[in-house]
C-alpha cells in the first residue's frame, strides 16, 4: 500500500513544504543586512544559525498544520495543497511524528542560542513556539493571518536584532511591514484559494470572512504596498537609496496580482500556484533588500 512504503529523504523533505521557507528565512536575512547597513557589529555565525533554526520551526509548523487540517477534515482528496497525507503518501501519524521531531530539534537548537545570547532569546523562542503550535486553532478562527505576521515578521526581526547584536533594535521593525505583508500574502492566497473546501470543514478563515472578491483585493494590497513602503522609507531616509533595488521585484508582484484578478471569470483555479509564486516573490524581494543593505553599508 502507498502509505506503508519506505519513504526517501526527498519525500520527508517535500512533506515539510520547503517552497514556503523564504517566509521564515528572509526576515532574518533582511534584518542582518539592515543591521550591517546601520553599522552594528554583527555575529554572522549566530545569524546563519538563527536562519536554520527558524526554518526548522517553520517546517515543524507546516507539518503540524497539515496534520491538524487532515484530522479536522479541512484537507481532503480534492484539496489543492497539504497532500502529503490525503494523497496516501504518508500516514497522519507519520506527519505528526515528523512535526514533533522537527519541533524538538528546533527547540534544542533554540536552547543553544539561549546559551550563547541570554534568556531574552528564550522569550522570543517560546513565543514563536506557542504561535506555531496554536496556528491551526487560530487559523480556524480567522486569526491565522495575525499569527503569521507575528511569527514570521515581528518576532524574527526583533529576535534577530538581539541575537546578532546583543541588543533589541526597535528601528528594524520598519522591515516588518514589507516583509511581513508579503509573507502573510502567502497564507492569504492559500486560504482564498481554499475558501470553498474550507467551508465544508466548518472553519472560518480570514479569507472566508472577507469573501473571495475582497480577499483578492487584500492580497493585491499585501504584495504591492510593500513597494510603496520602501519608496516612502527611502524618501524619509529611513532606508538607504540602494533599497530601490527591491523595486526590481515589482514586475513579479504585479504579475501575481494580475493572476488573482482573473478570479472574476476563471474562478478559484486562477489562484492555483499563487501561494508558491508569492513565496518566490518574498525570496527575490528580500534578497534584493539584503543586497541593497550590504552595498549601502560598504559604499
Protein backbone atom coordinates (compact mmCIF):
# COMPACT_ATOMS: atom_id res chain seq x y z
CA UNK A 1 0.00 0.00 0.00
CA UNK A 2 1.12 3.57 -0.74
CA UNK A 3 1.03 4.67 2.85
CA UNK A 4 3.30 1.86 4.06
CA UNK A 5 6.10 2.24 1.52
CA UNK A 6 9.62 3.19 2.50
CA UNK A 7 10.00 6.95 2.27
CA UNK A 8 13.09 8.57 0.83
CA UNK A 9 14.83 11.58 2.34
CA UNK A 10 13.40 13.64 -0.51
CA UNK A 11 9.88 12.50 0.44
CA UNK A 12 10.36 13.66 4.02
CA UNK A 13 11.81 17.00 2.91
CA UNK A 14 8.98 17.63 0.44
CA UNK A 15 6.46 16.86 3.19
CA UNK A 16 7.69 19.97 5.03
CA UNK A 17 6.76 22.19 2.03
CA UNK A 18 10.25 23.67 1.52
CA UNK A 19 9.00 26.10 -1.15
CA UNK A 20 7.50 28.13 1.72
CA UNK A 21 10.74 28.54 3.68
CA UNK A 22 11.51 32.06 2.34
CA UNK A 23 8.69 33.18 4.64
CA UNK A 24 10.81 32.35 7.70
CA UNK A 25 14.37 32.66 6.42
CA UNK A 26 14.10 36.01 4.65
CA UNK A 27 13.03 38.15 7.64
CA UNK A 28 16.23 37.07 9.42
CA UNK A 29 18.41 37.65 6.37
CA UNK A 30 16.96 41.09 5.65
CA UNK A 31 17.35 42.09 9.30
CA UNK A 32 21.01 41.08 9.28
CA UNK A 33 21.52 43.23 6.18
CA UNK A 34 19.73 46.17 7.80
CA UNK A 35 21.88 45.93 10.92
CA UNK A 36 25.01 45.83 8.77
CA UNK A 37 23.90 49.00 6.96
CA UNK A 38 23.24 50.67 10.32
CA UNK A 39 26.84 49.94 11.35
CA UNK A 40 26.20 47.38 14.09
CA UNK A 41 28.89 44.83 14.88
CA UNK A 42 27.27 41.53 13.94
CA UNK A 43 27.81 37.93 14.84
CA UNK A 44 27.23 36.47 11.37
CA UNK A 45 27.66 32.89 12.59
CA UNK A 46 24.82 33.36 15.07
CA UNK A 47 22.79 34.97 12.30
CA UNK A 48 23.25 31.98 10.00
CA UNK A 49 22.42 29.60 12.84
CA UNK A 50 19.25 31.59 13.51
CA UNK A 51 18.13 31.22 9.90
CA UNK A 52 18.47 27.45 10.15
CA UNK A 53 16.67 27.44 13.49
CA UNK A 54 13.65 29.41 12.31
CA UNK A 55 13.40 27.29 9.15
CA UNK A 56 13.22 24.14 11.27
CA UNK A 57 10.48 25.72 13.38
CA UNK A 58 8.71 26.62 10.14
CA UNK A 59 8.98 23.03 8.90
CA UNK A 60 7.53 21.83 12.20
CA UNK A 61 4.69 24.30 11.83
CA UNK A 62 3.95 23.24 8.26
CA UNK A 63 3.73 19.56 9.13
CA UNK A 64 1.73 20.24 12.29
CA UNK A 65 -0.72 22.33 10.26
CA UNK A 66 -1.05 19.56 7.66
CA UNK A 67 -1.74 17.02 10.39
CA UNK A 68 -4.36 19.19 12.12
CA UNK A 69 -6.01 20.11 8.80
CA UNK A 70 -6.34 16.42 7.95
CA UNK A 71 -7.68 15.44 11.38
CA UNK A 72 -10.21 18.29 11.29
CA UNK A 73 -11.45 17.45 7.81
CA UNK A 74 -10.01 20.58 6.23
CA UNK A 75 -7.75 18.68 3.81
CA UNK A 76 -9.50 16.06 1.67
CA UNK A 77 -8.86 14.22 -1.57
CA UNK A 78 -9.86 17.21 -3.71
CA UNK A 79 -7.78 19.72 -1.73
CA UNK A 80 -5.10 21.50 -3.75
CA UNK A 81 -2.49 21.84 -1.00
CA UNK A 82 -1.43 19.76 2.01
CA UNK A 83 -1.45 16.50 0.05
CA UNK A 84 1.21 14.57 1.97
CA UNK A 85 -1.50 12.76 3.98
CA UNK A 86 -4.64 12.82 1.83
CA UNK A 87 -2.72 11.51 -1.17
CA UNK A 88 -1.83 8.41 0.82
CA UNK A 89 1.90 9.07 0.59
CA UNK A 90 2.18 9.44 4.37
CA UNK A 91 0.03 8.30 7.24
CA UNK A 92 -1.27 11.04 9.51
CA UNK A 93 0.74 9.68 12.43
CA UNK A 94 3.93 9.81 10.35
CA UNK A 95 3.44 13.52 9.67
CA UNK A 96 2.58 14.12 13.32
CA UNK A 97 5.75 12.32 14.39
CA UNK A 98 7.80 14.28 11.86
CA UNK A 99 6.38 17.52 13.24
CA UNK A 100 7.33 16.56 16.81
CA UNK A 101 10.86 15.58 15.74
CA UNK A 102 11.32 18.89 13.93
CA UNK A 103 9.89 20.84 16.86
CA UNK A 104 12.14 19.09 19.38
CA UNK A 105 15.20 19.57 17.14
CA UNK A 106 14.41 23.25 16.61
CA UNK A 107 13.83 23.70 20.35
CA UNK A 108 17.20 22.14 21.19
CA UNK A 109 18.88 24.43 18.70
CA UNK A 110 17.00 27.33 20.23
CA UNK A 111 18.34 26.42 23.66
CA UNK A 112 21.81 26.54 22.12
CA UNK A 113 21.09 30.10 21.02
CA UNK A 114 19.91 30.92 24.52
CA UNK A 115 23.17 29.59 25.95
CA UNK A 116 25.15 31.92 23.69
CA UNK A 117 22.93 35.00 23.80
CA UNK A 118 20.94 35.01 27.06
CA UNK A 119 17.41 34.48 28.43
CA UNK A 120 15.79 37.18 26.30
CA UNK A 121 16.27 34.83 23.35
CA UNK A 122 14.28 32.22 25.26
CA UNK A 123 11.31 34.61 25.43
CA UNK A 124 11.37 35.08 21.66
CA UNK A 125 11.70 31.35 21.11
CA UNK A 126 8.86 30.42 23.44
CA UNK A 127 6.59 33.00 21.85
CA UNK A 128 7.38 31.61 18.41
CA UNK A 129 6.80 28.04 19.55
CA UNK A 130 3.43 28.85 21.09
CA UNK A 131 2.27 30.69 17.98
CA UNK A 132 3.47 27.81 15.80
CA UNK A 133 1.53 25.21 17.78
CA UNK A 134 -1.58 27.38 18.05
CA UNK A 135 -1.60 28.36 14.38
CA UNK A 136 -4.21 25.80 13.22
CA UNK A 137 -6.56 26.76 16.07
CA UNK A 138 -6.13 30.47 15.30
CA UNK A 139 -6.45 29.92 11.55
CA UNK A 140 -9.83 28.22 12.05
CA UNK A 141 -10.99 31.36 13.89
CA UNK A 142 -9.85 33.93 11.30
CA UNK A 143 -6.72 34.84 13.28
CA UNK A 144 -4.18 32.93 11.23
CA UNK A 145 -3.01 36.00 9.33
CA UNK A 146 -2.17 37.82 12.56
CA UNK A 147 -0.38 34.73 13.84
CA UNK A 148 1.76 34.55 10.69
CA UNK A 149 2.58 38.27 10.81
CA UNK A 150 3.79 37.92 14.39
CA UNK A 151 5.59 34.60 13.90
CA UNK A 152 7.32 35.38 10.60
CA UNK A 153 7.80 39.13 10.83
CA UNK A 154 7.71 40.80 14.24
CA UNK A 155 9.36 38.04 16.30
CA UNK A 156 12.16 37.05 13.90
CA UNK A 157 13.05 40.65 13.12
CA UNK A 158 13.31 41.75 16.75
CA UNK A 159 14.79 38.43 17.81
CA UNK A 160 17.47 38.63 15.14
CA UNK A 161 18.49 42.11 16.25
CA UNK A 162 19.07 40.73 19.74
CA UNK A 163 20.93 37.51 18.95
CA UNK A 164 23.12 39.19 16.33
CA UNK A 165 23.98 42.37 18.26
CA UNK A 166 23.19 41.70 21.92
CA UNK A 167 20.53 44.43 21.97
CA UNK A 168 16.98 44.84 20.69
CA UNK A 169 16.88 47.35 17.83
CA UNK A 170 13.24 48.51 17.51
CA UNK A 171 14.06 50.64 14.45
CA UNK A 172 14.40 47.38 12.50
CA UNK A 173 10.62 47.00 12.69
CA UNK A 174 10.47 49.24 9.64
CA UNK A 175 11.14 45.97 7.81
CA UNK A 176 8.13 44.25 9.34
CA UNK A 177 5.62 45.92 7.02
CA UNK A 178 7.05 45.00 3.60
CA UNK A 179 8.46 41.62 4.63
CA UNK A 180 5.51 40.76 6.83
CA UNK A 181 2.82 41.68 4.32
CA UNK A 182 4.32 39.54 1.57
CA UNK A 183 4.64 36.64 3.99
CA UNK A 184 1.01 36.99 5.05
CA UNK A 185 0.18 37.10 1.35
CA UNK A 186 1.49 33.53 1.02
CA UNK A 187 -1.03 32.33 3.61
CA UNK A 188 -3.84 34.59 2.47
CA UNK A 189 -3.64 33.47 -1.16
CA UNK A 190 -3.68 29.86 0.01
CA UNK A 191 -6.74 30.43 2.18
CA UNK A 192 -8.51 32.40 -0.55
CA UNK A 193 -7.97 29.54 -2.98
CA UNK A 194 -9.36 27.08 -0.40
CA UNK A 195 -12.48 29.03 0.62
CA UNK A 196 -14.88 26.54 -0.93
CA UNK A 197 -13.12 23.46 0.50
CA UNK A 198 -12.58 25.02 3.94
CA UNK A 199 -16.27 25.89 4.26
CA UNK A 200 -17.10 22.16 4.35
CA UNK A 201 -14.98 21.70 7.47
CA UNK A 202 -16.88 24.35 9.42
CA UNK A 203 -13.88 26.59 9.99
CA UNK A 204 -13.74 30.37 9.44
CA UNK A 205 -10.52 31.71 7.99
CA UNK A 206 -9.95 35.43 7.47
CA UNK A 207 -10.35 34.91 3.72
CA UNK A 208 -13.72 33.24 4.29
CA UNK A 209 -14.92 36.18 6.37
CA UNK A 210 -13.93 38.61 3.63
CA UNK A 211 -15.26 36.54 0.76
CA UNK A 212 -13.36 35.78 -2.47
CA UNK A 213 -13.57 39.18 -4.17
CA UNK A 214 -12.49 41.25 -1.19
CA UNK A 215 -9.83 38.66 -0.30
CA UNK A 216 -8.28 39.09 -3.72
CA UNK A 217 -8.05 42.86 -3.26
CA UNK A 218 -6.47 42.31 0.15
CA UNK A 219 -3.91 40.03 -1.47
CA UNK A 220 -3.12 42.66 -4.10
CA UNK A 221 -2.53 45.16 -1.29
CA UNK A 222 -0.27 42.71 0.55
CA UNK A 223 2.07 42.21 -2.41
CA UNK A 224 2.02 45.76 -3.84
CA UNK A 225 2.01 48.06 -0.80
CA UNK A 226 5.50 46.88 0.32
CA UNK A 227 6.98 48.68 -2.69
CA UNK A 228 5.23 51.94 -1.79
CA UNK A 229 6.52 51.48 1.78
CA UNK A 230 10.09 51.08 0.57
CA UNK A 231 9.85 54.20 -1.63
CA UNK A 232 8.41 56.24 1.24
CA UNK A 233 11.08 54.94 3.63
CA UNK A 234 13.83 55.92 1.18
CA UNK A 235 12.38 59.42 0.80
CA UNK A 236 12.24 59.73 4.59
CA UNK A 237 15.86 58.48 4.76
CA UNK A 238 14.84 55.55 6.91
CA UNK A 239 16.29 53.15 4.35
CA UNK A 240 19.27 53.64 2.01
CA UNK A 241 18.52 54.74 -1.53
CA UNK A 242 20.06 51.46 -2.60
CA UNK A 243 16.86 49.85 -1.31
CA UNK A 244 15.30 50.89 -4.59
CA UNK A 245 16.88 47.69 -5.92
CA UNK A 246 13.90 45.88 -4.40
CA UNK A 247 11.68 47.55 -6.99
CA UNK A 248 13.07 45.05 -9.48
CA UNK A 249 10.67 42.56 -7.88
CA UNK A 250 7.66 44.78 -8.64
CA UNK A 251 7.06 43.12 -12.01
CA UNK A 252 6.64 39.76 -10.27
CA UNK A 253 4.29 41.29 -7.69
CA UNK A 254 2.19 42.84 -10.46
CA UNK A 255 2.09 39.50 -12.24
CA UNK A 256 0.83 37.77 -9.12
CA UNK A 257 -1.79 40.43 -8.54
CA UNK A 258 -2.90 40.24 -12.16
CA UNK A 259 -3.29 36.48 -11.92
CA UNK A 260 -5.53 36.71 -8.85
CA UNK A 261 -7.83 39.26 -10.50
CA UNK A 262 -8.66 36.63 -13.13
CA UNK A 263 -10.87 35.08 -10.46
CA UNK A 264 -13.85 37.03 -11.77
CA UNK A 265 -14.00 34.89 -14.93
CA UNK A 266 -11.85 31.83 -14.10
CA UNK A 267 -12.94 31.14 -10.54
CA UNK A 268 -10.71 29.56 -7.91
CA UNK A 269 -8.49 27.86 -10.49
CA UNK A 270 -6.96 31.30 -11.15
CA UNK A 271 -5.41 31.08 -7.68
CA UNK A 272 -3.71 27.70 -8.10
CA UNK A 273 0.03 28.06 -7.50
CA UNK A 274 -0.20 31.69 -6.38
CA UNK A 275 0.99 30.79 -2.87
CA UNK A 276 4.22 29.34 -4.25
CA UNK A 277 4.66 32.33 -6.55
CA UNK A 278 4.23 34.63 -3.54
CA UNK A 279 6.95 32.71 -1.69
CA UNK A 280 9.19 33.24 -4.73
CA UNK A 281 8.33 36.94 -4.61
CA UNK A 282 9.34 37.02 -0.95
CA UNK A 283 12.64 35.38 -1.79
CA UNK A 284 13.52 37.78 -4.62
CA UNK A 285 12.28 40.92 -2.83
CA UNK A 286 14.18 40.06 0.35
CA UNK A 287 17.42 39.08 -1.38
CA UNK A 288 17.35 42.38 -3.26
CA UNK A 289 16.78 44.23 0.02
CA UNK A 290 19.65 42.34 1.63
CA UNK A 291 21.98 43.18 -1.26
CA UNK A 292 20.96 46.84 -1.06
CA UNK A 293 21.84 46.96 2.64
CA UNK A 294 25.20 45.31 2.11
CA UNK A 295 26.06 47.70 -0.72
CA UNK A 296 24.77 50.65 1.28
CA UNK A 297 26.90 49.64 4.24
CA UNK A 298 30.05 49.32 2.12
CA UNK A 299 29.74 52.32 -0.18
